[in-house]
N, C-alpha and C. Protein backbone atom coordinates (compact mmCIF):
# COMPACT_ATOMS: atom_id res chain seq x y z
N MET A 1 0.96 -1.21 -0.40
CA MET A 1 0.11 -0.11 -0.01
C MET A 1 0.82 1.22 -0.09
N LYS A 2 0.28 2.20 -0.34
CA LYS A 2 0.68 3.94 -0.49
C LYS A 2 0.50 4.57 0.72
N VAL A 3 1.61 4.68 1.28
CA VAL A 3 1.51 5.94 2.48
C VAL A 3 2.26 7.72 1.96
N VAL A 4 2.17 8.29 2.84
CA VAL A 4 3.02 8.98 3.01
C VAL A 4 3.74 9.90 3.88
N VAL A 5 5.34 10.02 3.82
CA VAL A 5 5.97 9.92 5.24
C VAL A 5 6.40 11.22 5.04
N ASN A 6 6.30 12.16 5.60
CA ASN A 6 7.04 13.74 5.57
C ASN A 6 7.07 14.10 4.36
N GLY A 7 5.83 13.86 3.55
CA GLY A 7 6.17 14.64 2.28
C GLY A 7 6.42 13.38 0.87
N GLU A 8 7.12 12.65 1.56
CA GLU A 8 7.70 11.25 0.05
C GLU A 8 6.57 10.05 0.64
N GLU A 9 6.13 9.50 -0.55
CA GLU A 9 5.66 8.28 -0.67
C GLU A 9 6.20 6.91 -0.64
N ARG A 10 5.86 6.35 0.29
CA ARG A 10 6.23 5.00 0.52
C ARG A 10 5.56 3.78 0.34
N LEU A 11 5.89 2.71 -0.05
CA LEU A 11 5.42 1.47 -0.10
C LEU A 11 5.42 0.74 0.92
N LEU A 12 4.11 0.44 1.84
CA LEU A 12 4.53 -0.75 2.42
C LEU A 12 3.11 -1.93 2.66
N GLU A 13 3.90 -2.87 3.37
CA GLU A 13 2.60 -3.90 3.35
C GLU A 13 1.24 -3.89 4.09
N ARG A 14 0.10 -4.18 3.42
CA ARG A 14 -0.86 -4.12 3.91
C ARG A 14 -0.91 -4.87 5.35
N GLY A 15 -1.74 -3.80 6.41
CA GLY A 15 -1.70 -4.39 7.90
C GLY A 15 -0.20 -3.86 8.57
N ALA A 16 0.32 -3.12 7.53
CA ALA A 16 1.69 -2.24 8.68
C ALA A 16 1.51 -1.51 9.52
N SER A 17 1.71 -1.51 10.69
CA SER A 17 1.60 -0.77 11.83
C SER A 17 2.63 0.64 11.71
N ILE A 18 2.35 1.50 12.68
CA ILE A 18 3.38 2.47 12.65
C ILE A 18 4.62 2.37 13.65
N LEU A 19 4.55 1.21 14.18
CA LEU A 19 6.13 0.85 14.61
C LEU A 19 6.57 -0.15 13.77
N ASP A 20 5.84 -0.53 12.88
CA ASP A 20 7.04 -1.13 12.11
C ASP A 20 7.29 -0.41 10.92
N LEU A 21 6.68 0.74 10.57
CA LEU A 21 7.07 1.90 9.88
C LEU A 21 8.34 2.35 10.09
N LEU A 22 8.09 2.66 11.56
CA LEU A 22 9.31 3.01 12.33
C LEU A 22 10.48 2.19 12.57
N ASP A 23 10.37 0.91 11.93
CA ASP A 23 11.08 -0.03 12.52
C ASP A 23 11.81 -0.13 11.02
N LEU A 24 11.06 0.28 10.02
CA LEU A 24 11.57 0.30 8.76
C LEU A 24 12.52 1.10 8.17
N LEU A 25 12.58 2.52 9.06
CA LEU A 25 13.06 3.41 9.36
C LEU A 25 14.29 3.63 10.06
N ASP A 26 14.65 3.01 10.62
CA ASP A 26 15.43 2.54 11.47
C ASP A 26 15.36 3.90 12.44
N LEU A 27 14.22 3.98 13.45
CA LEU A 27 13.97 5.11 14.21
C LEU A 27 13.18 4.32 15.35
N ASN A 28 13.97 4.90 16.44
CA ASN A 28 13.65 4.68 17.60
C ASN A 28 12.05 5.24 18.52
N SER A 29 11.33 4.46 18.33
CA SER A 29 10.17 5.08 18.73
C SER A 29 10.09 6.08 20.04
N SER A 30 11.32 6.05 21.37
CA SER A 30 10.73 6.79 22.28
C SER A 30 11.63 8.03 21.77
N THR A 31 12.12 8.20 20.24
CA THR A 31 12.36 9.88 20.15
C THR A 31 11.75 10.02 19.20
N VAL A 32 10.69 9.48 18.59
CA VAL A 32 10.10 10.04 17.69
C VAL A 32 8.70 10.50 18.49
N VAL A 33 8.07 11.60 17.54
CA VAL A 33 6.50 12.13 17.40
C VAL A 33 5.91 11.69 16.42
N VAL A 34 5.18 11.05 16.59
CA VAL A 34 3.91 10.54 15.34
C VAL A 34 2.47 11.54 15.11
N GLU A 35 2.62 11.75 14.02
CA GLU A 35 1.29 12.31 13.59
C GLU A 35 0.57 11.67 12.28
N LEU A 36 -0.36 11.08 12.27
CA LEU A 36 -0.86 10.41 11.40
C LEU A 36 -2.52 11.02 11.29
N ASN A 37 -2.47 11.58 9.59
CA ASN A 37 -3.40 12.07 9.42
C ASN A 37 -3.86 13.40 10.35
N ARG A 38 -2.71 14.26 10.99
CA ARG A 38 -3.00 15.46 11.78
C ARG A 38 -3.24 15.13 13.09
N GLU A 39 -3.30 13.86 13.49
CA GLU A 39 -3.22 13.70 15.24
C GLU A 39 -2.38 13.24 15.55
N ILE A 40 -1.95 13.43 16.56
CA ILE A 40 -0.67 12.87 17.18
C ILE A 40 -1.11 11.71 17.77
N VAL A 41 0.06 10.58 17.43
CA VAL A 41 -0.55 9.15 18.14
C VAL A 41 0.37 8.77 19.07
N ARG A 42 -0.08 8.49 20.33
CA ARG A 42 0.70 8.54 21.66
C ARG A 42 1.51 7.16 21.69
N GLN A 43 2.60 6.92 21.90
CA GLN A 43 3.85 5.53 22.25
C GLN A 43 3.30 4.49 22.40
N PRO A 44 2.40 4.60 23.56
CA PRO A 44 1.90 3.19 23.71
C PRO A 44 1.02 2.85 22.59
N VAL A 45 0.30 3.36 21.68
CA VAL A 45 -0.61 2.48 21.03
C VAL A 45 0.19 2.80 19.52
N LEU A 46 1.33 2.62 19.08
CA LEU A 46 2.11 2.94 17.85
C LEU A 46 2.06 1.23 17.55
N GLY A 47 1.98 0.66 18.06
CA GLY A 47 1.98 -1.00 17.64
C GLY A 47 1.07 -1.48 16.98
N ASP A 48 -0.40 -0.91 17.47
CA ASP A 48 -1.64 -1.17 17.55
C ASP A 48 -2.04 -0.31 16.25
N THR A 49 -1.61 0.76 15.98
CA THR A 49 -2.47 1.87 14.90
C THR A 49 -1.88 1.37 13.88
N GLN A 50 -2.50 0.47 13.02
CA GLN A 50 -2.60 0.03 11.93
C GLN A 50 -2.65 1.34 10.50
N LEU A 51 -2.03 1.44 9.70
CA LEU A 51 -1.61 2.47 8.49
C LEU A 51 -2.76 1.79 7.29
N ASN A 52 -2.84 3.16 6.80
CA ASN A 52 -4.33 2.53 5.51
C ASN A 52 -3.77 2.91 4.53
N GLU A 53 -4.04 2.98 3.19
CA GLU A 53 -3.60 3.34 2.04
C GLU A 53 -4.11 4.90 2.30
N GLU A 54 -2.82 5.41 1.74
CA GLU A 54 -2.70 6.73 1.43
C GLU A 54 -3.09 7.88 2.71
N ASP A 55 -2.46 7.29 3.87
CA ASP A 55 -2.27 7.84 5.09
C ASP A 55 -1.24 8.79 5.04
N CYS A 56 -1.38 10.03 5.39
CA CYS A 56 -0.32 10.74 5.72
C CYS A 56 0.09 11.07 7.17
N ILE A 57 1.17 10.54 6.72
CA ILE A 57 2.52 10.58 9.01
C ILE A 57 3.56 11.39 8.40
N GLU A 58 3.63 12.43 9.52
CA GLU A 58 4.58 12.99 9.93
C GLU A 58 5.69 12.57 11.05
N LEU A 59 6.91 12.83 11.15
CA LEU A 59 7.43 12.16 11.64
C LEU A 59 8.66 13.09 12.24
N ILE A 60 9.03 13.51 13.52
CA ILE A 60 9.18 14.51 14.26
C ILE A 60 10.30 13.82 15.37
N HIS A 61 11.63 13.76 14.57
CA HIS A 61 12.34 13.15 16.01
C HIS A 61 13.72 14.34 16.36
N PHE A 62 13.97 13.92 17.88
CA PHE A 62 15.01 14.91 18.62
C PHE A 62 16.33 14.38 18.07
N VAL A 63 17.14 15.50 18.33
CA VAL A 63 18.21 15.30 17.84
C VAL A 63 19.05 15.90 18.73
N GLY A 64 19.83 15.24 19.66
CA GLY A 64 20.69 16.17 20.35
C GLY A 64 22.25 16.43 19.98
N GLY A 65 22.82 17.08 21.09
CA GLY A 65 24.06 17.51 21.20
C GLY A 65 23.76 19.49 21.34
N GLY A 66 24.67 19.88 21.15
CA GLY A 66 25.07 21.33 21.45
C GLY A 66 26.26 22.24 20.98
């Protein structure tokens, strides 16, 4: 299925969860804020939230340093 992640189209298998997407992108779920179709998805439900065709996901991750 096709989803849009930070403005870029990506192909995922049907039934993929947000956590599956984060794993695919090699992102740690504890350092990422996920917005799915303009709504924040809380960390405890990332694995339970399935993605659907044409979903729009925005990922914001924090970078340390200084």
